[in-house]
């Protein structure tokens, strides 16, 4: 339980620090979250009005470029869910606009993290597709969905700081859950741990999204 709480605190603290850095533009780094603060920190899930405001609709120059990967053909060429429209909305909203990520959008909502993701600044999200969730036995998925703390810890493992372009996707990345992710390959053949990236470098207004064909399990 302590491990889960620490992982959950790391997700909330890291995303909050990211949002704060984007609005303050300087100052001293935030102090680490103490273990005895975790229950209080996670109790409040409703962000302030200021934090709930969507970040700027202009993607960072570092993520300029088109989505890459065979699965990108499923994205609409125009309108809702298209790369141009996704770039205008924050990632928590963008997930619900991509049909192949509807299960993930439901999981994020169940965990109460949609607004937290929307208020973050400059993150990369590894997003399991609907098919990825379908690979998990239903009883295991139902059990996971019924435990918000476990769900948040799992989602934290799918997020890293910084907006990663395909050229940045190599070696080890540290997730907000605290454990490492191993990235290999290049461009349209990228892998995260043992999951293949089906469509990557999808820009939203505050994040970069890489769709993956498996749910990433902390190891």
N, C-alpha and C. Protein backbone atom coordinates (compact mmCIF):
# COMPACT_ATOMS: atom_id res chain seq x y z
N UNK A 1 0.83 -1.20 0.00
CA UNK A 1 0.00 0.00 0.00
C UNK A 1 0.86 1.26 0.00
N UNK A 2 1.95 1.26 0.81
CA UNK A 2 2.83 2.43 0.83
C UNK A 2 3.42 2.70 -0.54
N UNK A 3 3.80 1.62 -1.25
CA UNK A 3 4.37 1.77 -2.59
C UNK A 3 3.37 2.40 -3.53
N UNK A 4 2.11 1.96 -3.43
CA UNK A 4 1.09 2.52 -4.30
C UNK A 4 0.87 4.00 -3.99
N UNK A 5 0.80 4.33 -2.71
CA UNK A 5 0.57 5.71 -2.34
C UNK A 5 1.70 6.61 -2.82
N UNK A 6 2.94 6.11 -2.68
CA UNK A 6 4.08 6.90 -3.15
C UNK A 6 4.02 7.11 -4.65
N UNK A 7 3.62 6.05 -5.38
CA UNK A 7 3.50 6.17 -6.84
C UNK A 7 2.43 7.18 -7.22
N UNK A 8 1.31 7.14 -6.50
CA UNK A 8 0.23 8.06 -6.80
C UNK A 8 0.65 9.49 -6.48
N UNK A 9 1.34 9.67 -5.34
CA UNK A 9 1.81 11.01 -4.99
C UNK A 9 2.76 11.53 -6.04
N UNK A 10 3.60 10.64 -6.58
CA UNK A 10 4.57 11.05 -7.59
C UNK A 10 3.87 11.56 -8.83
N UNK A 11 2.78 10.88 -9.24
CA UNK A 11 2.03 11.32 -10.42
C UNK A 11 1.45 12.70 -10.20
N UNK A 12 0.72 12.88 -9.10
CA UNK A 12 0.09 14.17 -8.83
C UNK A 12 1.12 15.27 -8.66
N UNK A 13 2.18 14.98 -7.87
CA UNK A 13 3.21 16.00 -7.62
C UNK A 13 3.92 16.39 -8.90
N UNK A 14 4.28 15.39 -9.72
CA UNK A 14 5.03 15.69 -10.94
C UNK A 14 4.19 16.49 -11.93
N UNK A 15 2.92 16.11 -12.08
CA UNK A 15 2.06 16.85 -12.99
C UNK A 15 1.79 18.25 -12.46
N UNK A 16 1.63 18.38 -11.15
CA UNK A 16 1.41 19.70 -10.56
C UNK A 16 2.63 20.58 -10.73
N UNK A 17 3.84 19.99 -10.52
CA UNK A 17 5.08 20.75 -10.71
C UNK A 17 5.21 21.18 -12.16
N UNK A 18 4.80 20.30 -13.09
CA UNK A 18 4.89 20.62 -14.52
C UNK A 18 4.00 21.81 -14.84
N UNK A 19 2.77 21.79 -14.30
CA UNK A 19 1.85 22.90 -14.55
C UNK A 19 2.37 24.18 -13.92
N UNK A 20 2.94 24.07 -12.72
CA UNK A 20 3.45 25.25 -12.03
C UNK A 20 4.62 25.86 -12.77
N UNK A 21 5.52 25.01 -13.26
CA UNK A 21 6.69 25.51 -13.99
C UNK A 21 6.27 26.24 -15.25
N UNK A 22 5.21 25.72 -15.90
CA UNK A 22 4.75 26.37 -17.12
C UNK A 22 4.19 27.75 -16.86
N UNK A 23 3.58 27.96 -15.67
CA UNK A 23 2.97 29.25 -15.40
C UNK A 23 3.93 30.22 -14.72
N UNK A 24 4.91 29.71 -13.94
CA UNK A 24 5.80 30.58 -13.19
C UNK A 24 7.04 30.95 -13.98
N UNK A 25 7.56 30.02 -14.78
CA UNK A 25 8.71 30.30 -15.62
C UNK A 25 10.01 30.41 -14.86
N UNK A 26 10.09 29.97 -13.61
CA UNK A 26 11.34 30.08 -12.88
C UNK A 26 11.12 29.76 -11.44
N UNK A 27 12.09 30.11 -10.58
CA UNK A 27 11.97 29.86 -9.16
C UNK A 27 12.64 28.58 -8.79
N UNK A 28 12.65 28.27 -7.49
CA UNK A 28 13.29 27.07 -7.01
C UNK A 28 12.42 25.86 -7.27
N UNK A 29 13.02 24.68 -7.49
CA UNK A 29 12.25 23.46 -7.70
C UNK A 29 11.43 23.17 -6.46
N UNK A 30 10.25 22.51 -6.69
CA UNK A 30 9.41 22.16 -5.56
C UNK A 30 10.08 21.09 -4.73
N UNK A 31 9.80 21.09 -3.42
CA UNK A 31 10.39 20.10 -2.53
C UNK A 31 9.74 18.76 -2.77
N UNK A 32 10.46 17.64 -2.57
CA UNK A 32 9.89 16.32 -2.75
C UNK A 32 8.69 16.13 -1.85
N UNK A 33 7.76 15.29 -2.30
CA UNK A 33 6.57 15.01 -1.51
C UNK A 33 6.90 14.01 -0.42
N UNK A 34 6.59 14.34 0.82
CA UNK A 34 6.85 13.43 1.93
C UNK A 34 5.81 12.34 1.94
N UNK A 35 6.20 11.15 2.42
CA UNK A 35 5.30 10.01 2.41
C UNK A 35 4.04 10.27 3.20
N UNK A 36 4.15 11.01 4.33
CA UNK A 36 2.98 11.23 5.16
C UNK A 36 2.04 12.28 4.60
N UNK A 37 2.39 12.87 3.44
CA UNK A 37 1.52 13.85 2.80
C UNK A 37 0.64 13.22 1.74
N UNK A 38 0.90 11.98 1.38
CA UNK A 38 0.27 11.40 0.21
C UNK A 38 -1.24 11.30 0.33
N UNK A 39 -1.74 10.86 1.46
CA UNK A 39 -3.19 10.69 1.61
C UNK A 39 -3.90 12.02 1.44
N UNK A 40 -3.34 13.09 2.03
CA UNK A 40 -3.95 14.41 1.90
C UNK A 40 -3.87 14.92 0.48
N UNK A 41 -2.70 14.73 -0.16
CA UNK A 41 -2.51 15.23 -1.52
C UNK A 41 -3.49 14.58 -2.49
N UNK A 42 -3.71 13.29 -2.35
CA UNK A 42 -4.55 12.57 -3.30
C UNK A 42 -6.02 12.70 -2.98
N UNK A 43 -6.37 13.22 -1.80
CA UNK A 43 -7.78 13.32 -1.43
C UNK A 43 -8.50 14.33 -2.29
N UNK A 44 -7.80 15.40 -2.69
CA UNK A 44 -8.42 16.44 -3.50
C UNK A 44 -8.18 16.17 -4.96
N UNK A 45 -9.26 15.93 -5.72
CA UNK A 45 -9.12 15.59 -7.14
C UNK A 45 -9.66 16.69 -8.04
N UNK A 46 -10.24 17.75 -7.47
CA UNK A 46 -10.79 18.81 -8.28
C UNK A 46 -9.83 19.97 -8.33
N UNK A 47 -9.23 20.25 -9.49
CA UNK A 47 -8.26 21.33 -9.58
C UNK A 47 -8.92 22.67 -9.42
N UNK A 48 -8.13 23.68 -9.08
CA UNK A 48 -8.65 25.03 -8.96
C UNK A 48 -9.07 25.54 -10.33
N UNK A 49 -9.84 26.62 -10.33
CA UNK A 49 -10.29 27.17 -11.61
C UNK A 49 -9.11 27.54 -12.48
N UNK A 50 -8.05 28.09 -11.84
CA UNK A 50 -6.87 28.49 -12.61
C UNK A 50 -6.19 27.27 -13.20
N UNK A 51 -6.05 26.19 -12.43
CA UNK A 51 -5.38 25.00 -12.92
C UNK A 51 -6.17 24.31 -13.99
N UNK A 52 -7.52 24.47 -13.98
CA UNK A 52 -8.37 23.78 -14.93
C UNK A 52 -8.34 24.40 -16.30
N UNK A 53 -7.82 25.63 -16.41
CA UNK A 53 -7.77 26.28 -17.70
C UNK A 53 -6.86 25.51 -18.62
N UNK A 54 -7.29 25.36 -19.87
CA UNK A 54 -6.50 24.62 -20.84
C UNK A 54 -5.23 25.37 -21.15
N UNK A 55 -4.10 24.64 -21.31
CA UNK A 55 -2.85 25.29 -21.71
C UNK A 55 -2.97 25.89 -23.10
N UNK A 56 -1.98 26.64 -23.48
CA UNK A 56 -1.96 27.26 -24.80
C UNK A 56 -2.21 26.24 -25.89
N UNK A 57 -2.98 26.63 -26.89
CA UNK A 57 -3.32 25.71 -27.96
C UNK A 57 -2.22 25.57 -29.00
N UNK A 58 -1.09 26.21 -28.80
CA UNK A 58 0.01 26.12 -29.75
C UNK A 58 1.03 25.09 -29.29
N UNK A 59 1.23 23.98 -30.05
CA UNK A 59 2.20 22.97 -29.65
C UNK A 59 3.60 23.54 -29.58
N UNK A 60 4.43 22.95 -28.72
CA UNK A 60 5.83 23.36 -28.60
C UNK A 60 6.56 23.13 -29.91
N UNK A 61 7.48 24.03 -30.28
CA UNK A 61 8.25 23.83 -31.51
C UNK A 61 9.01 22.51 -31.52
N UNK A 62 9.34 21.98 -30.33
CA UNK A 62 10.13 20.75 -30.26
C UNK A 62 9.37 19.53 -30.73
N UNK A 63 8.03 19.66 -30.87
CA UNK A 63 7.25 18.51 -31.31
C UNK A 63 6.65 18.75 -32.70
N UNK A 64 7.22 19.74 -33.42
CA UNK A 64 6.74 20.00 -34.76
C UNK A 64 6.96 18.76 -35.62
N UNK A 65 6.03 18.52 -36.52
CA UNK A 65 6.14 17.33 -37.38
C UNK A 65 4.86 16.55 -37.34
N UNK A 66 4.75 15.61 -38.26
CA UNK A 66 3.54 14.82 -38.39
C UNK A 66 3.62 13.55 -37.55
N UNK A 67 2.44 12.99 -37.20
CA UNK A 67 2.42 11.69 -36.52
C UNK A 67 3.09 10.63 -37.39
N UNK A 68 3.75 9.66 -36.75
CA UNK A 68 4.43 8.61 -37.49
C UNK A 68 3.95 7.25 -37.01
N UNK A 69 3.84 6.29 -37.94
CA UNK A 69 3.44 4.94 -37.60
C UNK A 69 2.28 4.47 -38.46
N UNK A 70 2.21 3.16 -38.66
CA UNK A 70 1.16 2.59 -39.52
C UNK A 70 -0.23 2.87 -38.99
N UNK A 71 -0.38 2.95 -37.66
CA UNK A 71 -1.69 3.17 -37.08
C UNK A 71 -2.22 4.57 -37.25
N UNK A 72 -1.39 5.49 -37.71
CA UNK A 72 -1.83 6.88 -37.87
C UNK A 72 -2.87 7.03 -38.97
N UNK A 73 -2.98 6.04 -39.83
CA UNK A 73 -3.97 6.11 -40.91
C UNK A 73 -5.39 6.10 -40.37
N UNK A 74 -5.57 5.68 -39.11
CA UNK A 74 -6.90 5.65 -38.52
C UNK A 74 -7.35 7.03 -38.02
N UNK A 75 -6.41 7.99 -37.94
CA UNK A 75 -6.77 9.34 -37.51
C UNK A 75 -7.48 10.06 -38.65
N UNK A 76 -8.58 10.76 -38.37
CA UNK A 76 -9.28 11.50 -39.41
C UNK A 76 -8.37 12.55 -40.05
N UNK A 77 -8.57 12.80 -41.31
CA UNK A 77 -7.76 13.80 -42.02
C UNK A 77 -8.14 15.22 -41.61
N UNK A 78 -9.38 15.39 -41.17
CA UNK A 78 -9.83 16.71 -40.75
C UNK A 78 -10.93 16.55 -39.72
N UNK A 79 -11.25 17.63 -39.04
CA UNK A 79 -12.31 17.59 -38.05
C UNK A 79 -11.86 16.98 -36.74
N UNK A 80 -12.80 16.66 -35.88
CA UNK A 80 -12.52 16.13 -34.55
C UNK A 80 -11.66 14.87 -34.62
N UNK A 81 -10.60 14.85 -33.83
CA UNK A 81 -9.71 13.69 -33.81
C UNK A 81 -8.60 13.74 -34.83
N UNK A 82 -8.59 14.75 -35.69
CA UNK A 82 -7.52 14.90 -36.67
C UNK A 82 -6.31 15.53 -36.01
N UNK A 83 -5.11 15.33 -36.55
CA UNK A 83 -3.91 15.93 -35.94
C UNK A 83 -4.04 17.44 -35.73
N UNK A 84 -4.62 18.14 -36.69
CA UNK A 84 -4.75 19.60 -36.57
C UNK A 84 -5.65 19.99 -35.40
N UNK A 85 -6.73 19.24 -35.19
CA UNK A 85 -7.65 19.56 -34.10
C UNK A 85 -7.10 19.08 -32.75
N UNK A 86 -6.42 17.94 -32.74
CA UNK A 86 -5.85 17.44 -31.50
C UNK A 86 -4.82 18.41 -30.93
N UNK A 87 -4.11 19.10 -31.81
CA UNK A 87 -3.07 20.04 -31.38
C UNK A 87 -3.66 21.25 -30.65
N UNK A 88 -4.96 21.43 -30.73
CA UNK A 88 -5.61 22.58 -30.11
C UNK A 88 -6.16 22.29 -28.72
N UNK A 89 -6.18 21.02 -28.32
CA UNK A 89 -6.79 20.66 -27.04
C UNK A 89 -5.78 19.96 -26.14
N UNK A 90 -5.95 20.03 -24.82
CA UNK A 90 -5.02 19.34 -23.90
C UNK A 90 -5.22 17.83 -23.96
N UNK A 91 -4.23 17.11 -23.46
CA UNK A 91 -4.17 15.67 -23.69
C UNK A 91 -5.33 14.91 -23.05
N UNK A 92 -5.79 15.32 -21.86
CA UNK A 92 -6.91 14.62 -21.25
C UNK A 92 -8.14 14.65 -22.11
N UNK A 93 -8.34 15.76 -22.82
CA UNK A 93 -9.46 15.89 -23.75
C UNK A 93 -9.17 15.16 -25.05
N UNK A 94 -7.94 15.25 -25.53
CA UNK A 94 -7.57 14.63 -26.80
C UNK A 94 -7.79 13.12 -26.79
N UNK A 95 -7.52 12.48 -25.64
CA UNK A 95 -7.69 11.03 -25.57
C UNK A 95 -9.12 10.62 -25.90
N UNK A 96 -10.08 11.41 -25.48
CA UNK A 96 -11.48 11.08 -25.74
C UNK A 96 -11.89 11.40 -27.17
N UNK A 97 -11.06 12.15 -27.89
CA UNK A 97 -11.36 12.49 -29.28
C UNK A 97 -10.78 11.50 -30.28
N UNK A 98 -9.94 10.56 -29.79
CA UNK A 98 -9.32 9.56 -30.67
C UNK A 98 -10.06 8.23 -30.48
N UNK A 99 -10.79 7.77 -31.48
CA UNK A 99 -11.60 6.56 -31.33
C UNK A 99 -10.83 5.35 -30.82
N UNK A 100 -9.59 5.16 -31.27
CA UNK A 100 -8.81 3.99 -30.87
C UNK A 100 -8.32 4.05 -29.43
N UNK A 101 -8.55 5.20 -28.77
CA UNK A 101 -8.14 5.37 -27.37
C UNK A 101 -9.33 5.57 -26.44
N UNK A 102 -10.51 5.15 -26.87
CA UNK A 102 -11.71 5.38 -26.06
C UNK A 102 -11.67 4.64 -24.73
N UNK A 103 -11.08 3.44 -24.71
CA UNK A 103 -10.98 2.70 -23.44
C UNK A 103 -10.04 3.43 -22.49
N UNK A 104 -8.91 3.91 -22.99
CA UNK A 104 -7.98 4.66 -22.14
C UNK A 104 -8.65 5.91 -21.60
N UNK A 105 -9.42 6.60 -22.44
CA UNK A 105 -10.13 7.79 -21.98
C UNK A 105 -11.06 7.45 -20.83
N UNK A 106 -11.71 6.30 -20.92
CA UNK A 106 -12.62 5.85 -19.85
C UNK A 106 -11.84 5.53 -18.58
N UNK A 107 -10.67 4.90 -18.74
CA UNK A 107 -9.83 4.55 -17.59
C UNK A 107 -9.33 5.82 -16.90
N UNK A 108 -8.88 6.80 -17.69
CA UNK A 108 -8.39 8.07 -17.13
C UNK A 108 -9.51 8.77 -16.36
N UNK A 109 -10.72 8.76 -16.92
CA UNK A 109 -11.86 9.37 -16.24
C UNK A 109 -12.18 8.62 -14.95
N UNK A 110 -12.15 7.29 -15.00
CA UNK A 110 -12.41 6.48 -13.81
C UNK A 110 -11.41 6.79 -12.71
N UNK A 111 -10.16 7.05 -13.09
CA UNK A 111 -9.11 7.35 -12.12
C UNK A 111 -9.17 8.80 -11.63
N UNK A 112 -10.02 9.62 -12.24
CA UNK A 112 -10.13 11.02 -11.85
C UNK A 112 -8.94 11.86 -12.26
N UNK A 113 -8.30 11.50 -13.38
CA UNK A 113 -7.07 12.19 -13.77
C UNK A 113 -7.18 13.02 -15.04
N UNK A 114 -8.37 13.13 -15.63
CA UNK A 114 -8.50 13.87 -16.89
C UNK A 114 -8.10 15.33 -16.72
N UNK A 115 -8.59 15.98 -15.66
CA UNK A 115 -8.25 17.39 -15.46
C UNK A 115 -6.79 17.57 -15.05
N UNK A 116 -6.26 16.58 -14.30
CA UNK A 116 -4.84 16.65 -13.93
C UNK A 116 -3.97 16.61 -15.17
N UNK A 117 -4.30 15.74 -16.11
CA UNK A 117 -3.55 15.67 -17.37
C UNK A 117 -3.74 16.95 -18.18
N UNK A 118 -4.94 17.49 -18.17
CA UNK A 118 -5.22 18.70 -18.93
C UNK A 118 -4.43 19.90 -18.42
N UNK A 119 -4.16 19.94 -17.12
CA UNK A 119 -3.48 21.10 -16.55
C UNK A 119 -1.96 20.95 -16.51
N UNK A 120 -1.45 19.78 -16.90
CA UNK A 120 -0.01 19.55 -16.92
C UNK A 120 0.62 20.32 -18.09
N UNK A 121 1.93 20.52 -17.98
CA UNK A 121 2.66 21.20 -19.05
C UNK A 121 3.80 20.30 -19.53
N UNK A 122 3.87 20.09 -20.82
CA UNK A 122 4.99 19.40 -21.46
C UNK A 122 5.23 18.01 -20.87
N UNK A 123 4.40 17.07 -21.24
CA UNK A 123 4.55 15.67 -20.86
C UNK A 123 4.42 14.80 -22.10
N UNK A 124 4.83 13.55 -21.98
CA UNK A 124 4.63 12.55 -23.03
C UNK A 124 3.80 11.42 -22.45
N UNK A 125 2.77 11.03 -23.16
CA UNK A 125 1.86 9.98 -22.71
C UNK A 125 1.95 8.78 -23.66
N UNK A 126 2.22 7.62 -23.10
CA UNK A 126 2.18 6.38 -23.86
C UNK A 126 0.79 5.79 -23.68
N UNK A 127 0.03 5.80 -24.75
CA UNK A 127 -1.40 5.55 -24.68
C UNK A 127 -1.77 4.17 -25.24
N UNK A 128 -2.13 3.22 -24.37
CA UNK A 128 -2.56 1.90 -24.87
C UNK A 128 -3.86 2.02 -25.68
N UNK A 129 -3.90 1.36 -26.79
CA UNK A 129 -5.08 1.38 -27.65
C UNK A 129 -6.18 0.49 -27.06
N UNK A 130 -7.36 0.56 -27.66
CA UNK A 130 -8.45 -0.32 -27.25
C UNK A 130 -8.04 -1.78 -27.36
N UNK A 131 -7.34 -2.12 -28.44
CA UNK A 131 -6.88 -3.51 -28.63
C UNK A 131 -5.92 -3.91 -27.53
N UNK A 132 -5.12 -2.97 -27.04
CA UNK A 132 -4.17 -3.27 -25.95
C UNK A 132 -4.93 -3.66 -24.69
N UNK A 133 -5.98 -2.92 -24.37
CA UNK A 133 -6.77 -3.25 -23.19
C UNK A 133 -7.53 -4.56 -23.38
N UNK A 134 -7.91 -4.87 -24.63
CA UNK A 134 -8.62 -6.12 -24.90
C UNK A 134 -7.75 -7.35 -24.66
N UNK A 135 -6.43 -7.16 -24.62
CA UNK A 135 -5.52 -8.28 -24.36
C UNK A 135 -5.49 -8.66 -22.88
N UNK A 136 -6.01 -7.79 -22.02
CA UNK A 136 -6.06 -8.09 -20.59
C UNK A 136 -7.34 -8.87 -20.29
N UNK A 137 -7.26 -10.02 -19.62
CA UNK A 137 -8.47 -10.77 -19.29
C UNK A 137 -9.50 -9.89 -18.59
N UNK A 138 -10.77 -10.06 -18.93
CA UNK A 138 -11.82 -9.18 -18.42
C UNK A 138 -11.85 -9.12 -16.90
N UNK A 139 -11.67 -10.26 -16.24
CA UNK A 139 -11.73 -10.25 -14.78
C UNK A 139 -10.60 -9.41 -14.18
N UNK A 140 -9.41 -9.46 -14.81
CA UNK A 140 -8.29 -8.66 -14.33
C UNK A 140 -8.54 -7.18 -14.58
N UNK A 141 -9.10 -6.86 -15.75
CA UNK A 141 -9.39 -5.47 -16.08
C UNK A 141 -10.46 -4.92 -15.14
N UNK A 142 -11.49 -5.72 -14.88
CA UNK A 142 -12.55 -5.28 -13.96
C UNK A 142 -11.99 -5.03 -12.57
N UNK A 143 -11.08 -5.89 -12.13
CA UNK A 143 -10.48 -5.74 -10.82
C UNK A 143 -9.64 -4.46 -10.76
N UNK A 144 -8.90 -4.20 -11.83
CA UNK A 144 -8.09 -2.99 -11.89
C UNK A 144 -8.96 -1.75 -11.88
N UNK A 145 -10.04 -1.79 -12.64
CA UNK A 145 -10.93 -0.63 -12.75
C UNK A 145 -11.62 -0.33 -11.43
N UNK A 146 -11.75 -1.32 -10.56
CA UNK A 146 -12.43 -1.13 -9.29
C UNK A 146 -11.50 -0.59 -8.20
N UNK A 147 -10.19 -0.49 -8.49
CA UNK A 147 -9.22 -0.03 -7.51
C UNK A 147 -8.55 1.24 -8.02
N UNK A 148 -9.06 2.38 -7.60
CA UNK A 148 -8.58 3.66 -8.13
C UNK A 148 -7.09 3.88 -7.85
N UNK A 149 -6.63 3.46 -6.67
CA UNK A 149 -5.22 3.68 -6.34
C UNK A 149 -4.31 2.90 -7.28
N UNK A 150 -4.64 1.63 -7.53
CA UNK A 150 -3.85 0.83 -8.46
C UNK A 150 -3.92 1.40 -9.86
N UNK A 151 -5.10 1.88 -10.23
CA UNK A 151 -5.30 2.44 -11.55
C UNK A 151 -4.43 3.67 -11.77
N UNK A 152 -4.37 4.53 -10.76
CA UNK A 152 -3.54 5.73 -10.87
C UNK A 152 -2.05 5.39 -10.94
N UNK A 153 -1.64 4.41 -10.16
CA UNK A 153 -0.25 3.99 -10.22
C UNK A 153 0.11 3.46 -11.59
N UNK A 154 -0.80 2.68 -12.20
CA UNK A 154 -0.55 2.15 -13.54
C UNK A 154 -0.47 3.27 -14.56
N UNK A 155 -1.39 4.23 -14.48
CA UNK A 155 -1.38 5.34 -15.43
C UNK A 155 -0.12 6.20 -15.28
N UNK A 156 0.37 6.33 -14.04
CA UNK A 156 1.59 7.11 -13.82
C UNK A 156 2.77 6.49 -14.56
N UNK A 157 2.74 5.18 -14.73
CA UNK A 157 3.82 4.48 -15.44
C UNK A 157 3.79 4.77 -16.94
N UNK A 158 2.69 5.32 -17.42
CA UNK A 158 2.55 5.61 -18.84
C UNK A 158 2.85 7.07 -19.19
N UNK A 159 3.37 7.84 -18.22
CA UNK A 159 3.63 9.27 -18.44
C UNK A 159 5.07 9.60 -18.06
N UNK A 160 5.72 10.38 -18.91
CA UNK A 160 7.07 10.88 -18.59
C UNK A 160 7.08 12.39 -18.76
N UNK A 161 8.04 13.04 -18.10
CA UNK A 161 8.19 14.49 -18.23
C UNK A 161 8.80 14.83 -19.58
N UNK A 162 8.42 15.98 -20.10
CA UNK A 162 8.98 16.45 -21.36
C UNK A 162 8.20 15.94 -22.55
N UNK A 163 8.22 16.71 -23.61
CA UNK A 163 7.55 16.31 -24.85
C UNK A 163 8.59 15.63 -25.74
N UNK A 164 8.46 14.33 -25.90
CA UNK A 164 9.47 13.54 -26.60
C UNK A 164 9.14 13.40 -28.09
N UNK A 165 10.05 13.91 -28.91
CA UNK A 165 9.96 13.69 -30.35
C UNK A 165 10.54 12.31 -30.66
N UNK A 166 10.25 11.74 -31.83
CA UNK A 166 10.80 10.43 -32.16
C UNK A 166 12.32 10.35 -31.98
N UNK A 167 13.03 11.44 -32.25
CA UNK A 167 14.49 11.45 -32.10
C UNK A 167 14.91 11.32 -30.65
N UNK A 168 14.01 11.65 -29.71
CA UNK A 168 14.31 11.56 -28.28
C UNK A 168 13.99 10.18 -27.71
N UNK A 169 13.38 9.35 -28.53
CA UNK A 169 12.86 8.07 -28.04
C UNK A 169 13.93 6.98 -28.16
N UNK A 170 14.79 6.93 -27.16
CA UNK A 170 15.82 5.90 -27.13
C UNK A 170 16.33 5.73 -25.71
N UNK A 171 16.83 4.55 -25.40
CA UNK A 171 17.38 4.30 -24.07
C UNK A 171 16.30 4.19 -23.01
N UNK A 172 16.61 4.68 -21.81
CA UNK A 172 15.68 4.58 -20.68
C UNK A 172 15.05 5.94 -20.37
N UNK A 173 13.76 5.91 -20.08
CA UNK A 173 13.03 7.08 -19.64
C UNK A 173 12.45 6.77 -18.27
N UNK A 174 12.40 7.77 -17.40
CA UNK A 174 11.84 7.57 -16.07
C UNK A 174 10.38 8.01 -16.06
N UNK A 175 9.50 7.09 -15.72
CA UNK A 175 8.07 7.41 -15.67
C UNK A 175 7.75 8.22 -14.42
N UNK A 176 6.58 8.84 -14.40
CA UNK A 176 6.15 9.57 -13.21
C UNK A 176 5.83 8.61 -12.07
N UNK A 177 5.65 7.34 -12.39
CA UNK A 177 5.46 6.33 -11.34
C UNK A 177 6.77 6.06 -10.62
N UNK A 178 7.90 6.38 -11.29
CA UNK A 178 9.21 6.23 -10.68
C UNK A 178 10.08 5.17 -11.30
N UNK A 179 9.46 4.20 -11.98
CA UNK A 179 10.26 3.15 -12.59
C UNK A 179 10.56 3.47 -14.05
N UNK A 180 11.49 2.71 -14.61
CA UNK A 180 12.02 3.00 -15.94
C UNK A 180 11.18 2.39 -17.05
N UNK A 181 11.21 3.07 -18.19
CA UNK A 181 10.68 2.56 -19.45
C UNK A 181 11.85 2.45 -20.42
N UNK A 182 11.91 1.37 -21.18
CA UNK A 182 12.99 1.19 -22.15
C UNK A 182 12.44 1.40 -23.55
N UNK A 183 13.05 2.34 -24.28
CA UNK A 183 12.60 2.68 -25.63
C UNK A 183 13.65 2.24 -26.63
N UNK A 184 13.20 1.62 -27.71
CA UNK A 184 14.12 1.14 -28.75
C UNK A 184 13.49 1.35 -30.12
N UNK A 185 14.31 1.14 -31.17
CA UNK A 185 13.82 1.32 -32.53
C UNK A 185 13.90 2.78 -32.96
N UNK A 186 13.25 3.08 -34.06
CA UNK A 186 13.26 4.45 -34.56
C UNK A 186 12.05 4.69 -35.45
N UNK A 187 11.63 5.97 -35.51
CA UNK A 187 10.54 6.41 -36.36
C UNK A 187 9.32 5.49 -36.28
N UNK A 188 9.02 4.77 -37.37
CA UNK A 188 7.81 3.95 -37.41
C UNK A 188 7.98 2.58 -36.79
N UNK A 189 9.16 2.27 -36.24
CA UNK A 189 9.39 0.95 -35.61
C UNK A 189 9.75 1.09 -34.13
N UNK A 190 9.25 2.13 -33.49
CA UNK A 190 9.55 2.36 -32.09
C UNK A 190 8.87 1.32 -31.19
N UNK A 191 9.56 0.99 -30.09
CA UNK A 191 8.98 0.11 -29.08
C UNK A 191 9.21 0.73 -27.71
N UNK A 192 8.22 0.56 -26.83
CA UNK A 192 8.34 0.97 -25.43
C UNK A 192 8.18 -0.30 -24.60
N UNK A 193 9.26 -0.67 -23.88
CA UNK A 193 9.34 -2.00 -23.27
C UNK A 193 9.08 -3.02 -24.38
N UNK A 194 8.06 -3.87 -24.24
CA UNK A 194 7.78 -4.85 -25.29
C UNK A 194 6.57 -4.46 -26.12
N UNK A 195 6.13 -3.21 -26.01
CA UNK A 195 4.97 -2.74 -26.76
C UNK A 195 5.41 -1.93 -27.98
N UNK A 196 4.76 -2.18 -29.11
CA UNK A 196 5.06 -1.45 -30.34
C UNK A 196 4.26 -0.16 -30.39
N UNK A 197 4.91 0.89 -30.85
CA UNK A 197 4.21 2.16 -31.08
C UNK A 197 3.48 2.06 -32.41
N UNK A 198 2.16 2.18 -32.37
CA UNK A 198 1.36 2.08 -33.60
C UNK A 198 1.20 3.43 -34.28
N UNK A 199 1.20 4.49 -33.48
CA UNK A 199 1.14 5.85 -34.02
C UNK A 199 1.74 6.78 -32.98
N UNK A 200 2.79 7.48 -33.35
CA UNK A 200 3.48 8.33 -32.38
C UNK A 200 3.62 9.76 -32.85
N UNK A 201 4.17 10.58 -31.95
CA UNK A 201 4.39 12.00 -32.23
C UNK A 201 3.09 12.74 -32.53
N UNK A 202 2.01 12.36 -31.81
CA UNK A 202 0.73 13.05 -31.93
C UNK A 202 0.77 14.23 -30.96
N UNK A 203 0.70 15.43 -31.49
CA UNK A 203 0.79 16.63 -30.65
C UNK A 203 -0.58 17.04 -30.14
N UNK A 204 -0.67 17.32 -28.84
CA UNK A 204 -1.81 18.02 -28.27
C UNK A 204 -1.27 19.36 -27.77
N UNK A 205 -2.12 20.18 -27.17
CA UNK A 205 -1.66 21.51 -26.77
C UNK A 205 -0.66 21.47 -25.62
N UNK A 206 -0.62 20.37 -24.86
CA UNK A 206 0.30 20.32 -23.72
C UNK A 206 1.08 19.01 -23.61
N UNK A 207 0.98 18.15 -24.61
CA UNK A 207 1.63 16.84 -24.51
C UNK A 207 1.88 16.25 -25.88
N UNK A 208 2.70 15.20 -25.89
CA UNK A 208 2.91 14.39 -27.08
C UNK A 208 2.45 12.98 -26.75
N UNK A 209 1.69 12.37 -27.66
CA UNK A 209 1.09 11.07 -27.42
C UNK A 209 1.69 10.03 -28.35
N UNK A 210 1.99 8.86 -27.79
CA UNK A 210 2.43 7.69 -28.56
C UNK A 210 1.46 6.54 -28.26
N UNK A 211 0.70 6.12 -29.25
CA UNK A 211 -0.18 4.98 -29.06
C UNK A 211 0.66 3.70 -29.05
N UNK A 212 0.37 2.81 -28.10
CA UNK A 212 1.10 1.54 -28.01
C UNK A 212 0.11 0.38 -28.00
N UNK A 213 0.60 -0.80 -28.46
CA UNK A 213 -0.31 -1.94 -28.64
C UNK A 213 -0.41 -2.85 -27.42
N UNK A 214 0.20 -2.44 -26.29
CA UNK A 214 0.08 -3.20 -25.05
C UNK A 214 -0.03 -2.22 -23.88
N UNK A 215 -0.71 -2.66 -22.83
CA UNK A 215 -0.71 -1.88 -21.59
C UNK A 215 0.63 -2.13 -20.92
N UNK A 216 1.35 -1.06 -20.60
CA UNK A 216 2.68 -1.18 -20.00
C UNK A 216 2.56 -1.52 -18.52
N UNK A 217 3.24 -2.58 -18.12
CA UNK A 217 3.20 -3.02 -16.74
C UNK A 217 4.52 -2.69 -16.04
N UNK A 218 4.48 -1.99 -14.88
CA UNK A 218 5.71 -1.66 -14.16
C UNK A 218 6.53 -2.90 -13.87
N UNK A 219 7.86 -2.79 -14.00
CA UNK A 219 8.71 -3.97 -13.79
C UNK A 219 9.97 -3.56 -13.05
